[in-house]
């Protein structure tokens, strides 16, 4: 029996990390179209609520753009947003060395939480998940902080670090999804895709018509 053609998939993110994570489970989006929205937290907004809201807004913006004449109205729009927090304090996506240094000093020797909201939008329907991972850093020396800041790896990263890179050497404990900390929880993302008829595992054996 021939399997039905899969839906077309739009990744509403320009993150190379998310693209690489999708490739890890055999998913190659048909289109990469980052959604540009205001990511400023609302007054009093909790970290988990921020991650969930931004992912939903990005997915809905992408889906609305497709329906507006892009020829991809039947697409699935996948979006995600990752927030790093210490308690209710939301850490920035660092753009300056001073921001990165402050984040590392705060994270040194203590635990923090990483929240990723994942949303999938199509034809007026929105499905979403929120994943939380607890991470603990070792106590960082002044030399380690300075060296990491000089590496530049922190640039654009929530919380000022990339667990899949040099900062992996700072982590002494992780509870929950590792891929969530990288930027896209794969099990939950695959579950969302499966629910909309896009089955990643079927791509592995080539049973889906392109």
C-alpha atoms as a PDB file:
ATOM      1  CA  UNK A   1       0.000   0.000   0.000  1.00  0.00           C
ATOM      2  CA  UNK A   2       1.385   3.414  -0.981  1.00  0.00           C
ATOM      3  CA  UNK A   3       1.545   5.908   1.862  1.00  0.00           C
ATOM      4  CA  UNK A   4      -0.088   9.302   1.274  1.00  0.00           C
ATOM      5  CA  UNK A   5       2.105  12.243   0.399  1.00  0.00           C
ATOM      6  CA  UNK A   6       3.349  14.064   3.471  1.00  0.00           C
ATOM      7  CA  UNK A   7       2.445  17.697   4.170  1.00  0.00           C
ATOM      8  CA  UNK A   8       4.994  20.334   3.242  1.00  0.00           C
ATOM      9  CA  UNK A   9       6.940  21.670   6.217  1.00  0.00           C
ATOM     10  CA  UNK A  10       8.043  25.265   6.813  1.00  0.00           C
ATOM     11  CA  UNK A  11      10.582  25.896   9.578  1.00  0.00           C
ATOM     12  CA  UNK A  12       9.810  29.329  11.041  1.00  0.00           C
ATOM     13  CA  UNK A  13      13.328  29.711  12.426  1.00  0.00           C
ATOM     14  CA  UNK A  14      16.693  30.658  11.008  1.00  0.00           C
ATOM     15  CA  UNK A  15      18.569  28.745  13.714  1.00  0.00           C
ATOM     16  CA  UNK A  16      21.217  26.411  12.250  1.00  0.00           C
ATOM     17  CA  UNK A  17      20.956  24.369  15.455  1.00  0.00           C
ATOM     18  CA  UNK A  18      17.261  23.632  14.946  1.00  0.00           C
ATOM     19  CA  UNK A  19      17.849  22.746  11.315  1.00  0.00           C
ATOM     20  CA  UNK A  20      20.613  20.326  12.351  1.00  0.00           C
ATOM     21  CA  UNK A  21      18.436  18.790  15.067  1.00  0.00           C
ATOM     22  CA  UNK A  22      15.622  18.143  12.594  1.00  0.00           C
ATOM     23  CA  UNK A  23      18.143  16.515  10.270  1.00  0.00           C
ATOM     24  CA  UNK A  24      19.108  14.225  13.149  1.00  0.00           C
ATOM     25  CA  UNK A  25      15.633  12.622  12.950  1.00  0.00           C
ATOM     26  CA  UNK A  26      15.613  12.637   9.170  1.00  0.00           C
ATOM     27  CA  UNK A  27      13.503  15.771   8.678  1.00  0.00           C
ATOM     28  CA  UNK A  28      14.447  18.327   6.030  1.00  0.00           C
ATOM     29  CA  UNK A  29      12.003  21.294   5.897  1.00  0.00           C
ATOM     30  CA  UNK A  30      10.732  22.223   2.457  1.00  0.00           C
ATOM     31  CA  UNK A  31      11.283  25.864   3.318  1.00  0.00           C
ATOM     32  CA  UNK A  32      13.082  27.886   6.003  1.00  0.00           C
ATOM     33  CA  UNK A  33      11.233  31.159   6.644  1.00  0.00           C
ATOM     34  CA  UNK A  34      12.089  32.836   9.972  1.00  0.00           C
ATOM     35  CA  UNK A  35       9.240  34.727  11.613  1.00  0.00           C
ATOM     36  CA  UNK A  36      10.096  38.244  12.758  1.00  0.00           C
ATOM     37  CA  UNK A  37       8.184  39.102  15.940  1.00  0.00           C
ATOM     38  CA  UNK A  38       8.797  41.212  19.026  1.00  0.00           C
ATOM     39  CA  UNK A  39      10.389  38.874  21.571  1.00  0.00           C
ATOM     40  CA  UNK A  40      10.244  41.316  24.489  1.00  0.00           C
ATOM     41  CA  UNK A  41       8.822  39.677  27.622  1.00  0.00           C
ATOM     42  CA  UNK A  42       5.574  41.150  28.897  1.00  0.00           C
ATOM     43  CA  UNK A  43       5.575  42.724  32.379  1.00  0.00           C
ATOM     44  CA  UNK A  44       5.578  39.940  34.949  1.00  0.00           C
ATOM     45  CA  UNK A  45       5.625  37.205  32.292  1.00  0.00           C
ATOM     46  CA  UNK A  46       7.015  33.909  33.594  1.00  0.00           C
ATOM     47  CA  UNK A  47       9.840  32.212  31.638  1.00  0.00           C
ATOM     48  CA  UNK A  48       7.747  29.178  30.663  1.00  0.00           C
ATOM     49  CA  UNK A  49       4.860  31.383  29.531  1.00  0.00           C
ATOM     50  CA  UNK A  50       7.256  33.465  27.409  1.00  0.00           C
ATOM     51  CA  UNK A  51       8.699  30.414  25.630  1.00  0.00           C
ATOM     52  CA  UNK A  52       5.245  29.043  24.902  1.00  0.00           C
ATOM     53  CA  UNK A  53       3.842  32.383  23.696  1.00  0.00           C
ATOM     54  CA  UNK A  54       6.743  33.232  21.397  1.00  0.00           C
ATOM     55  CA  UNK A  55       6.725  29.799  19.757  1.00  0.00           C
ATOM     56  CA  UNK A  56       2.981  30.085  19.118  1.00  0.00           C
ATOM     57  CA  UNK A  57       3.268  33.612  17.722  1.00  0.00           C
ATOM     58  CA  UNK A  58       6.109  32.599  15.396  1.00  0.00           C
ATOM     59  CA  UNK A  59       4.198  29.573  14.090  1.00  0.00           C
ATOM     60  CA  UNK A  60       1.002  31.561  13.572  1.00  0.00           C
ATOM     61  CA  UNK A  61       2.864  34.385  11.815  1.00  0.00           C
ATOM     62  CA  UNK A  62       4.505  31.898   9.473  1.00  0.00           C
ATOM     63  CA  UNK A  63       1.229  30.099   8.760  1.00  0.00           C
ATOM     64  CA  UNK A  64      -0.525  33.419   8.092  1.00  0.00           C
ATOM     65  CA  UNK A  65       2.220  34.392   5.655  1.00  0.00           C
ATOM     66  CA  UNK A  66       1.812  31.115   3.779  1.00  0.00           C
ATOM     67  CA  UNK A  67      -1.929  31.583   3.485  1.00  0.00           C
ATOM     68  CA  UNK A  68      -1.412  35.109   2.221  1.00  0.00           C
ATOM     69  CA  UNK A  69      -0.345  34.064  -1.257  1.00  0.00           C
ATOM     70  CA  UNK A  70       2.928  32.224  -0.822  1.00  0.00           C
ATOM     71  CA  UNK A  71       1.545  29.125  -2.506  1.00  0.00           C
ATOM     72  CA  UNK A  72       2.076  27.048   0.608  1.00  0.00           C
ATOM     73  CA  UNK A  73      -1.335  27.326   2.325  1.00  0.00           C
ATOM     74  CA  UNK A  74      -1.403  23.591   3.095  1.00  0.00           C
ATOM     75  CA  UNK A  75       1.989  23.704   4.822  1.00  0.00           C
ATOM     76  CA  UNK A  76       2.777  22.950   8.415  1.00  0.00           C
ATOM     77  CA  UNK A  77       4.593  25.856  10.080  1.00  0.00           C
ATOM     78  CA  UNK A  78       6.969  24.700  12.820  1.00  0.00           C
ATOM     79  CA  UNK A  79       8.395  27.198  15.308  1.00  0.00           C
ATOM     80  CA  UNK A  80      10.264  27.077  18.598  1.00  0.00           C
ATOM     81  CA  UNK A  81      11.618  29.452  21.195  1.00  0.00           C
ATOM     82  CA  UNK A  82      14.075  28.691  23.988  1.00  0.00           C
ATOM     83  CA  UNK A  83      14.238  30.599  27.268  1.00  0.00           C
ATOM     84  CA  UNK A  84      16.901  30.172  29.962  1.00  0.00           C
ATOM     85  CA  UNK A  85      15.955  31.237  33.467  1.00  0.00           C
ATOM     86  CA  UNK A  86      17.220  31.332  37.031  1.00  0.00           C
ATOM     87  CA  UNK A  87      14.064  31.305  39.099  1.00  0.00           C
ATOM     88  CA  UNK A  88      11.760  33.821  37.411  1.00  0.00           C
ATOM     89  CA  UNK A  89      14.694  35.792  36.024  1.00  0.00           C
ATOM     90  CA  UNK A  90      14.870  35.464  32.241  1.00  0.00           C
ATOM     91  CA  UNK A  91      18.398  35.528  30.839  1.00  0.00           C
ATOM     92  CA  UNK A  92      18.979  37.347  27.544  1.00  0.00           C
ATOM     93  CA  UNK A  93      19.980  35.999  24.166  1.00  0.00           C
ATOM     94  CA  UNK A  94      23.419  37.515  24.504  1.00  0.00           C
ATOM     95  CA  UNK A  95      24.655  39.992  21.933  1.00  0.00           C
ATOM     96  CA  UNK A  96      27.505  41.601  23.904  1.00  0.00           C
ATOM     97  CA  UNK A  97      30.464  40.257  25.850  1.00  0.00           C
ATOM     98  CA  UNK A  98      29.226  42.032  28.979  1.00  0.00           C
ATOM     99  CA  UNK A  99      25.880  40.208  28.742  1.00  0.00           C
ATOM    100  CA  UNK A 100      27.616  36.858  28.285  1.00  0.00           C
ATOM    101  CA  UNK A 101      29.959  37.457  31.210  1.00  0.00           C
ATOM    102  CA  UNK A 102      27.046  38.408  33.474  1.00  0.00           C
ATOM    103  CA  UNK A 103      25.095  35.288  32.487  1.00  0.00           C
ATOM    104  CA  UNK A 104      28.036  32.972  33.106  1.00  0.00           C
ATOM    105  CA  UNK A 105      28.724  34.558  36.486  1.00  0.00           C
ATOM    106  CA  UNK A 106      25.073  34.043  37.443  1.00  0.00           C
ATOM    107  CA  UNK A 107      24.985  30.427  36.236  1.00  0.00           C
ATOM    108  CA  UNK A 108      28.300  29.491  37.891  1.00  0.00           C
ATOM    109  CA  UNK A 109      27.866  26.841  40.562  1.00  0.00           C
ATOM    110  CA  UNK A 110      24.084  26.800  40.450  1.00  0.00           C
ATOM    111  CA  UNK A 111      21.119  25.263  38.694  1.00  0.00           C
ATOM    112  CA  UNK A 112      18.908  26.844  36.069  1.00  0.00           C
ATOM    113  CA  UNK A 113      16.017  25.823  33.845  1.00  0.00           C
ATOM    114  CA  UNK A 114      15.722  25.768  30.090  1.00  0.00           C
ATOM    115  CA  UNK A 115      12.249  26.034  28.568  1.00  0.00           C
ATOM    116  CA  UNK A 116      11.493  25.465  24.904  1.00  0.00           C
ATOM    117  CA  UNK A 117       8.080  26.100  23.454  1.00  0.00           C
ATOM    118  CA  UNK A 118       7.354  24.205  20.235  1.00  0.00           C
ATOM    119  CA  UNK A 119       4.364  25.090  18.063  1.00  0.00           C
ATOM    120  CA  UNK A 120       2.932  23.691  14.838  1.00  0.00           C
ATOM    121  CA  UNK A 121       0.386  25.756  12.929  1.00  0.00           C
ATOM    122  CA  UNK A 122      -1.674  25.029   9.829  1.00  0.00           C
ATOM    123  CA  UNK A 123      -4.996  26.176   8.387  1.00  0.00           C
ATOM    124  CA  UNK A 124      -6.194  27.926  11.522  1.00  0.00           C
ATOM    125  CA  UNK A 125      -5.108  25.139  13.866  1.00  0.00           C
ATOM    126  CA  UNK A 126      -2.314  25.397  16.431  1.00  0.00           C
ATOM    127  CA  UNK A 127      -0.745  22.572  18.417  1.00  0.00           C
ATOM    128  CA  UNK A 128       1.991  23.226  20.958  1.00  0.00           C
ATOM    129  CA  UNK A 129       4.230  21.697  23.599  1.00  0.00           C
ATOM    130  CA  UNK A 130       6.389  23.142  26.361  1.00  0.00           C
ATOM    131  CA  UNK A 131       9.469  21.239  27.537  1.00  0.00           C
ATOM    132  CA  UNK A 132      11.528  21.986  30.651  1.00  0.00           C
ATOM    133  CA  UNK A 133      15.064  20.788  31.398  1.00  0.00           C
ATOM    134  CA  UNK A 134      17.047  21.425  34.567  1.00  0.00           C
ATOM    135  CA  UNK A 135      20.765  22.102  34.155  1.00  0.00           C
ATOM    136  CA  UNK A 136      23.478  22.680  36.737  1.00  0.00           C
ATOM    137  CA  UNK A 137      26.846  24.289  36.066  1.00  0.00           C
ATOM    138  CA  UNK A 138      30.021  23.653  38.025  1.00  0.00           C
ATOM    139  CA  UNK A 139      31.596  26.649  39.728  1.00  0.00           C
ATOM    140  CA  UNK A 140      33.420  28.543  37.009  1.00  0.00           C
ATOM    141  CA  UNK A 141      36.794  30.158  37.514  1.00  0.00           C
ATOM    142  CA  UNK A 142      37.541  33.671  36.327  1.00  0.00           C
ATOM    143  CA  UNK A 143      39.825  32.207  33.658  1.00  0.00           C
ATOM    144  CA  UNK A 144      37.063  29.875  32.381  1.00  0.00           C
ATOM    145  CA  UNK A 145      34.563  32.710  32.111  1.00  0.00           C
ATOM    146  CA  UNK A 146      37.077  34.951  30.328  1.00  0.00           C
ATOM    147  CA  UNK A 147      38.098  32.185  27.915  1.00  0.00           C
ATOM    148  CA  UNK A 148      34.494  31.340  27.056  1.00  0.00           C
ATOM    149  CA  UNK A 149      33.624  34.976  26.469  1.00  0.00           C
ATOM    150  CA  UNK A 150      36.662  35.304  24.202  1.00  0.00           C
ATOM    151  CA  UNK A 151      35.534  32.245  22.214  1.00  0.00           C
ATOM    152  CA  UNK A 152      32.467  34.117  20.965  1.00  0.00           C
ATOM    153  CA  UNK A 153      30.391  30.938  21.134  1.00  0.00           C
ATOM    154  CA  UNK A 154      27.836  32.665  23.368  1.00  0.00           C
ATOM    155  CA  UNK A 155      26.716  35.130  20.704  1.00  0.00           C
ATOM    156  CA  UNK A 156      22.973  34.965  20.096  1.00  0.00           C
ATOM    157  CA  UNK A 157      22.534  32.121  22.604  1.00  0.00           C
ATOM    158  CA  UNK A 158      19.881  32.199  25.315  1.00  0.00           C
ATOM    159  CA  UNK A 159      21.643  32.349  28.659  1.00  0.00           C
ATOM    160  CA  UNK A 160      24.972  33.052  26.977  1.00  0.00           C
ATOM    161  CA  UNK A 161      26.075  29.480  26.291  1.00  0.00           C
ATOM    162  CA  UNK A 162      25.734  26.543  23.880  1.00  0.00           C
ATOM    163  CA  UNK A 163      25.605  23.179  25.638  1.00  0.00           C
ATOM    164  CA  UNK A 164      26.595  21.350  22.438  1.00  0.00           C
ATOM    165  CA  UNK A 165      29.821  23.322  22.247  1.00  0.00           C
ATOM    166  CA  UNK A 166      32.604  24.352  24.595  1.00  0.00           C
ATOM    167  CA  UNK A 167      30.177  25.006  27.453  1.00  0.00           C
ATOM    168  CA  UNK A 168      29.372  21.307  27.589  1.00  0.00           C
ATOM    169  CA  UNK A 169      32.402  21.144  29.882  1.00  0.00           C
ATOM    170  CA  UNK A 170      30.605  23.361  32.403  1.00  0.00           C
ATOM    171  CA  UNK A 171      27.602  21.059  32.907  1.00  0.00           C
ATOM    172  CA  UNK A 172      27.693  18.697  35.882  1.00  0.00           C
ATOM    173  CA  UNK A 173      24.024  17.658  35.848  1.00  0.00           C
ATOM    174  CA  UNK A 174      21.126  17.653  33.432  1.00  0.00           C
ATOM    175  CA  UNK A 175      17.606  16.441  34.165  1.00  0.00           C
ATOM    176  CA  UNK A 176      15.369  16.168  31.128  1.00  0.00           C
ATOM    177  CA  UNK A 177      15.805  16.522  27.394  1.00  0.00           C
ATOM    178  CA  UNK A 178      19.299  17.358  26.143  1.00  0.00           C
ATOM    179  CA  UNK A 179      18.014  18.411  22.712  1.00  0.00           C
ATOM    180  CA  UNK A 180      15.673  20.820  24.483  1.00  0.00           C
ATOM    181  CA  UNK A 181      18.718  22.680  25.809  1.00  0.00           C
ATOM    182  CA  UNK A 182      20.257  22.742  22.332  1.00  0.00           C
ATOM    183  CA  UNK A 183      17.070  24.386  21.063  1.00  0.00           C
ATOM    184  CA  UNK A 184      14.496  21.827  19.903  1.00  0.00           C
ATOM    185  CA  UNK A 185      13.190  18.864  21.968  1.00  0.00           C
ATOM    186  CA  UNK A 186      13.115  16.121  19.352  1.00  0.00           C
ATOM    187  CA  UNK A 187      10.697  13.624  20.908  1.00  0.00           C
ATOM    188  CA  UNK A 188       8.042  16.280  21.442  1.00  0.00           C
ATOM    189  CA  UNK A 189       8.618  17.825  18.014  1.00  0.00           C
ATOM    190  CA  UNK A 190       8.257  14.437  16.326  1.00  0.00           C
ATOM    191  CA  UNK A 191       5.027  13.844  18.276  1.00  0.00           C
ATOM    192  CA  UNK A 192       3.579  17.137  17.027  1.00  0.00           C
ATOM    193  CA  UNK A 193       4.538  16.321  13.434  1.00  0.00           C
ATOM    194  CA  UNK A 194       3.074  12.823  13.705  1.00  0.00           C
ATOM    195  CA  UNK A 195      -0.202  14.306  14.904  1.00  0.00           C
ATOM    196  CA  UNK A 196      -0.491  16.327  11.690  1.00  0.00           C
ATOM    197  CA  UNK A 197       0.344  13.477   9.327  1.00  0.00           C
ATOM    198  CA  UNK A 198       4.039  14.243   8.903  1.00  0.00           C
ATOM    199  CA  UNK A 199       5.738  11.075  10.134  1.00  0.00           C
ATOM    200  CA  UNK A 200       9.535  11.450  10.500  1.00  0.00           C
ATOM    201  CA  UNK A 201      10.107   7.708  10.932  1.00  0.00           C
ATOM    202  CA  UNK A 202       8.545   6.989   7.546  1.00  0.00           C
ATOM    203  CA  UNK A 203      11.196   9.131   5.904  1.00  0.00           C
ATOM    204  CA  UNK A 204      13.873   6.752   7.150  1.00  0.00           C
ATOM    205  CA  UNK A 205      12.727   3.937   4.861  1.00  0.00           C
ATOM    206  CA  UNK A 206      11.668   6.085   1.928  1.00  0.00           C
ATOM    207  CA  UNK A 207       8.000   5.074   2.089  1.00  0.00           C
ATOM    208  CA  UNK A 208       6.594   8.583   1.801  1.00  0.00           C
ATOM    209  CA  UNK A 209       5.924  10.077  -1.621  1.00  0.00           C
ATOM    210  CA  UNK A 210       7.597  13.412  -2.223  1.00  0.00           C
END
